[in-house]
């Protein structure tokens, strides 16, 4: 099943973070995401034409976070936003991080209403 079609599962700790090998395998299923320097996070920058579009994106990501009960760190600038995922309960990456990243990428799919191809709103 594709990552974007999956649902996050509650993570309360007590499990190990994903191995570097597994994280890189899942990263290959995403578009343009990168591992952080420590290998404990994944992140991606998204660019927009203006602040209004950036904030619309931030609100869409917030809705995904609410639905999945898995929340990213967001760095918001006028016309761009960096989304970073990290599972705090295990101090590293879980499959939830990749599931949510895939759902964020879907905001830029050709089928998404109001979104032009190429990830430009």
C-alpha atoms as a PDB file:
ATOM      1  CA  UNK A   1       0.000   0.000   0.000  1.00  0.00           C
ATOM      2  CA  UNK A   2       1.329   3.443  -0.902  1.00  0.00           C
ATOM      3  CA  UNK A   3       2.523   5.594   1.994  1.00  0.00           C
ATOM      4  CA  UNK A   4      -0.074   8.293   1.278  1.00  0.00           C
ATOM      5  CA  UNK A   5      -2.855   5.713   1.550  1.00  0.00           C
ATOM      6  CA  UNK A   6      -1.782   4.562   4.993  1.00  0.00           C
ATOM      7  CA  UNK A   7      -2.791   5.987   8.365  1.00  0.00           C
ATOM      8  CA  UNK A   8      -0.423   6.845  11.197  1.00  0.00           C
ATOM      9  CA  UNK A   9      -0.400   4.547  14.210  1.00  0.00           C
ATOM     10  CA  UNK A  10       0.027   5.880  17.741  1.00  0.00           C
ATOM     11  CA  UNK A  11       3.644   5.829  18.870  1.00  0.00           C
ATOM     12  CA  UNK A  12       4.235   6.078  22.609  1.00  0.00           C
ATOM     13  CA  UNK A  13       7.869   5.066  22.659  1.00  0.00           C
ATOM     14  CA  UNK A  14       9.398   1.761  23.543  1.00  0.00           C
ATOM     15  CA  UNK A  15      10.184   0.923  19.930  1.00  0.00           C
ATOM     16  CA  UNK A  16      13.437   1.658  18.136  1.00  0.00           C
ATOM     17  CA  UNK A  17      13.625   4.345  15.459  1.00  0.00           C
ATOM     18  CA  UNK A  18      13.840   3.171  11.863  1.00  0.00           C
ATOM     19  CA  UNK A  19      17.203   1.908  10.733  1.00  0.00           C
ATOM     20  CA  UNK A  20      19.154   4.110   8.335  1.00  0.00           C
ATOM     21  CA  UNK A  21      18.569   1.498   5.636  1.00  0.00           C
ATOM     22  CA  UNK A  22      14.783   1.471   6.149  1.00  0.00           C
ATOM     23  CA  UNK A  23      14.629   5.280   6.325  1.00  0.00           C
ATOM     24  CA  UNK A  24      16.475   5.568   2.995  1.00  0.00           C
ATOM     25  CA  UNK A  25      14.176   2.959   1.459  1.00  0.00           C
ATOM     26  CA  UNK A  26      11.070   4.927   2.506  1.00  0.00           C
ATOM     27  CA  UNK A  27      12.710   8.196   1.441  1.00  0.00           C
ATOM     28  CA  UNK A  28      12.834   6.764  -2.073  1.00  0.00           C
ATOM     29  CA  UNK A  29       9.026   6.706  -2.090  1.00  0.00           C
ATOM     30  CA  UNK A  30       8.862  10.475  -1.477  1.00  0.00           C
ATOM     31  CA  UNK A  31       9.428  13.400  -3.831  1.00  0.00           C
ATOM     32  CA  UNK A  32      12.261  15.747  -2.901  1.00  0.00           C
ATOM     33  CA  UNK A  33      12.486  14.995   0.821  1.00  0.00           C
ATOM     34  CA  UNK A  34      15.903  14.689   2.464  1.00  0.00           C
ATOM     35  CA  UNK A  35      17.290  13.150   5.622  1.00  0.00           C
ATOM     36  CA  UNK A  36      18.508  15.627   8.204  1.00  0.00           C
ATOM     37  CA  UNK A  37      22.201  15.729   9.087  1.00  0.00           C
ATOM     38  CA  UNK A  38      21.726  13.403  12.070  1.00  0.00           C
ATOM     39  CA  UNK A  39      19.490  10.974  10.163  1.00  0.00           C
ATOM     40  CA  UNK A  40      16.759  11.543  12.758  1.00  0.00           C
ATOM     41  CA  UNK A  41      14.564  13.865  10.682  1.00  0.00           C
ATOM     42  CA  UNK A  42      13.237  14.301   7.162  1.00  0.00           C
ATOM     43  CA  UNK A  43      12.542  17.706   5.674  1.00  0.00           C
ATOM     44  CA  UNK A  44      11.517  19.504   2.509  1.00  0.00           C
ATOM     45  CA  UNK A  45      11.167  23.128   1.391  1.00  0.00           C
ATOM     46  CA  UNK A  46       8.024  24.188  -0.483  1.00  0.00           C
ATOM     47  CA  UNK A  47       7.966  27.446  -2.517  1.00  0.00           C
ATOM     48  CA  UNK A  48       4.950  29.667  -3.225  1.00  0.00           C
ATOM     49  CA  UNK A  49       4.135  32.875  -5.066  1.00  0.00           C
ATOM     50  CA  UNK A  50       3.115  34.849  -1.973  1.00  0.00           C
ATOM     51  CA  UNK A  51       2.337  34.790   1.750  1.00  0.00           C
ATOM     52  CA  UNK A  52      -1.333  33.946   1.231  1.00  0.00           C
ATOM     53  CA  UNK A  53      -0.448  30.756  -0.651  1.00  0.00           C
ATOM     54  CA  UNK A  54       2.187  29.850   1.928  1.00  0.00           C
ATOM     55  CA  UNK A  55      -0.363  30.154   4.725  1.00  0.00           C
ATOM     56  CA  UNK A  56      -2.948  28.135   2.790  1.00  0.00           C
ATOM     57  CA  UNK A  57      -0.333  25.381   2.545  1.00  0.00           C
ATOM     58  CA  UNK A  58       0.495  25.655   6.260  1.00  0.00           C
ATOM     59  CA  UNK A  59      -3.190  25.262   7.100  1.00  0.00           C
ATOM     60  CA  UNK A  60      -3.485  22.229   4.819  1.00  0.00           C
ATOM     61  CA  UNK A  61      -0.465  20.642   6.533  1.00  0.00           C
ATOM     62  CA  UNK A  62      -2.030  21.443   9.916  1.00  0.00           C
ATOM     63  CA  UNK A  63      -5.189  19.609   8.848  1.00  0.00           C
ATOM     64  CA  UNK A  64      -3.156  16.549   7.828  1.00  0.00           C
ATOM     65  CA  UNK A  65      -1.368  16.684  11.199  1.00  0.00           C
ATOM     66  CA  UNK A  66      -4.684  16.851  13.027  1.00  0.00           C
ATOM     67  CA  UNK A  67      -6.159  13.949  11.061  1.00  0.00           C
ATOM     68  CA  UNK A  68      -3.070  11.765  11.555  1.00  0.00           C
ATOM     69  CA  UNK A  69      -2.280  12.949  15.101  1.00  0.00           C
ATOM     70  CA  UNK A  70       1.333  13.394  13.996  1.00  0.00           C
ATOM     71  CA  UNK A  71       2.673  16.928  13.894  1.00  0.00           C
ATOM     72  CA  UNK A  72       5.612  18.373  11.942  1.00  0.00           C
ATOM     73  CA  UNK A  73       7.847  21.299  12.725  1.00  0.00           C
ATOM     74  CA  UNK A  74       7.128  24.133  10.289  1.00  0.00           C
ATOM     75  CA  UNK A  75       9.443  27.001   9.417  1.00  0.00           C
ATOM     76  CA  UNK A  76       7.312  29.610   7.673  1.00  0.00           C
ATOM     77  CA  UNK A  77       8.730  32.381   5.492  1.00  0.00           C
ATOM     78  CA  UNK A  78       6.936  34.841   3.203  1.00  0.00           C
ATOM     79  CA  UNK A  79       6.910  32.601   0.140  1.00  0.00           C
ATOM     80  CA  UNK A  80       8.227  29.264   1.377  1.00  0.00           C
ATOM     81  CA  UNK A  81       7.826  26.752   4.142  1.00  0.00           C
ATOM     82  CA  UNK A  82      10.087  24.015   5.438  1.00  0.00           C
ATOM     83  CA  UNK A  83       8.319  20.935   6.775  1.00  0.00           C
ATOM     84  CA  UNK A  84      10.302  18.688   9.124  1.00  0.00           C
ATOM     85  CA  UNK A  85       9.133  15.364  10.528  1.00  0.00           C
ATOM     86  CA  UNK A  86      10.606  13.610  13.573  1.00  0.00           C
ATOM     87  CA  UNK A  87       8.967  11.204  16.020  1.00  0.00           C
ATOM     88  CA  UNK A  88       9.707  12.693  19.439  1.00  0.00           C
ATOM     89  CA  UNK A  89       8.543   9.622  21.384  1.00  0.00           C
ATOM     90  CA  UNK A  90      11.391   7.530  19.931  1.00  0.00           C
ATOM     91  CA  UNK A  91      13.917  10.320  19.252  1.00  0.00           C
ATOM     92  CA  UNK A  92      14.144   9.397  15.582  1.00  0.00           C
ATOM     93  CA  UNK A  93      12.185   8.459  12.508  1.00  0.00           C
ATOM     94  CA  UNK A  94       9.118   6.227  12.388  1.00  0.00           C
ATOM     95  CA  UNK A  95       6.979   5.192   9.441  1.00  0.00           C
ATOM     96  CA  UNK A  96       4.506   7.869  10.580  1.00  0.00           C
ATOM     97  CA  UNK A  97       6.971  10.541   9.448  1.00  0.00           C
ATOM     98  CA  UNK A  98       7.047   9.116   5.927  1.00  0.00           C
ATOM     99  CA  UNK A  99       3.275   8.573   5.813  1.00  0.00           C
ATOM    100  CA  UNK A 100       2.646  12.227   6.661  1.00  0.00           C
ATOM    101  CA  UNK A 101       5.325  13.445   4.238  1.00  0.00           C
ATOM    102  CA  UNK A 102       3.606  11.473   1.462  1.00  0.00           C
ATOM    103  CA  UNK A 103       0.272  13.047   2.395  1.00  0.00           C
ATOM    104  CA  UNK A 104       1.848  16.516   2.234  1.00  0.00           C
ATOM    105  CA  UNK A 105       3.238  15.678  -1.216  1.00  0.00           C
ATOM    106  CA  UNK A 106      -0.295  14.781  -2.331  1.00  0.00           C
ATOM    107  CA  UNK A 107      -1.236  18.445  -1.883  1.00  0.00           C
ATOM    108  CA  UNK A 108       0.778  18.995  -5.071  1.00  0.00           C
ATOM    109  CA  UNK A 109      -0.600  16.110  -7.100  1.00  0.00           C
ATOM    110  CA  UNK A 110      -2.291  16.816 -10.424  1.00  0.00           C
ATOM    111  CA  UNK A 111      -5.615  15.778  -8.889  1.00  0.00           C
ATOM    112  CA  UNK A 112      -5.428  18.259  -6.001  1.00  0.00           C
ATOM    113  CA  UNK A 113      -7.944  21.110  -6.439  1.00  0.00           C
ATOM    114  CA  UNK A 114      -6.398  24.533  -6.918  1.00  0.00           C
ATOM    115  CA  UNK A 115      -2.881  23.225  -7.381  1.00  0.00           C
ATOM    116  CA  UNK A 116      -1.009  23.598 -10.638  1.00  0.00           C
ATOM    117  CA  UNK A 117       1.420  20.941 -11.796  1.00  0.00           C
ATOM    118  CA  UNK A 118       5.012  21.208 -10.735  1.00  0.00           C
ATOM    119  CA  UNK A 119       4.254  22.046  -7.095  1.00  0.00           C
ATOM    120  CA  UNK A 120       3.564  25.737  -7.733  1.00  0.00           C
ATOM    121  CA  UNK A 121       0.359  27.187  -6.321  1.00  0.00           C
END
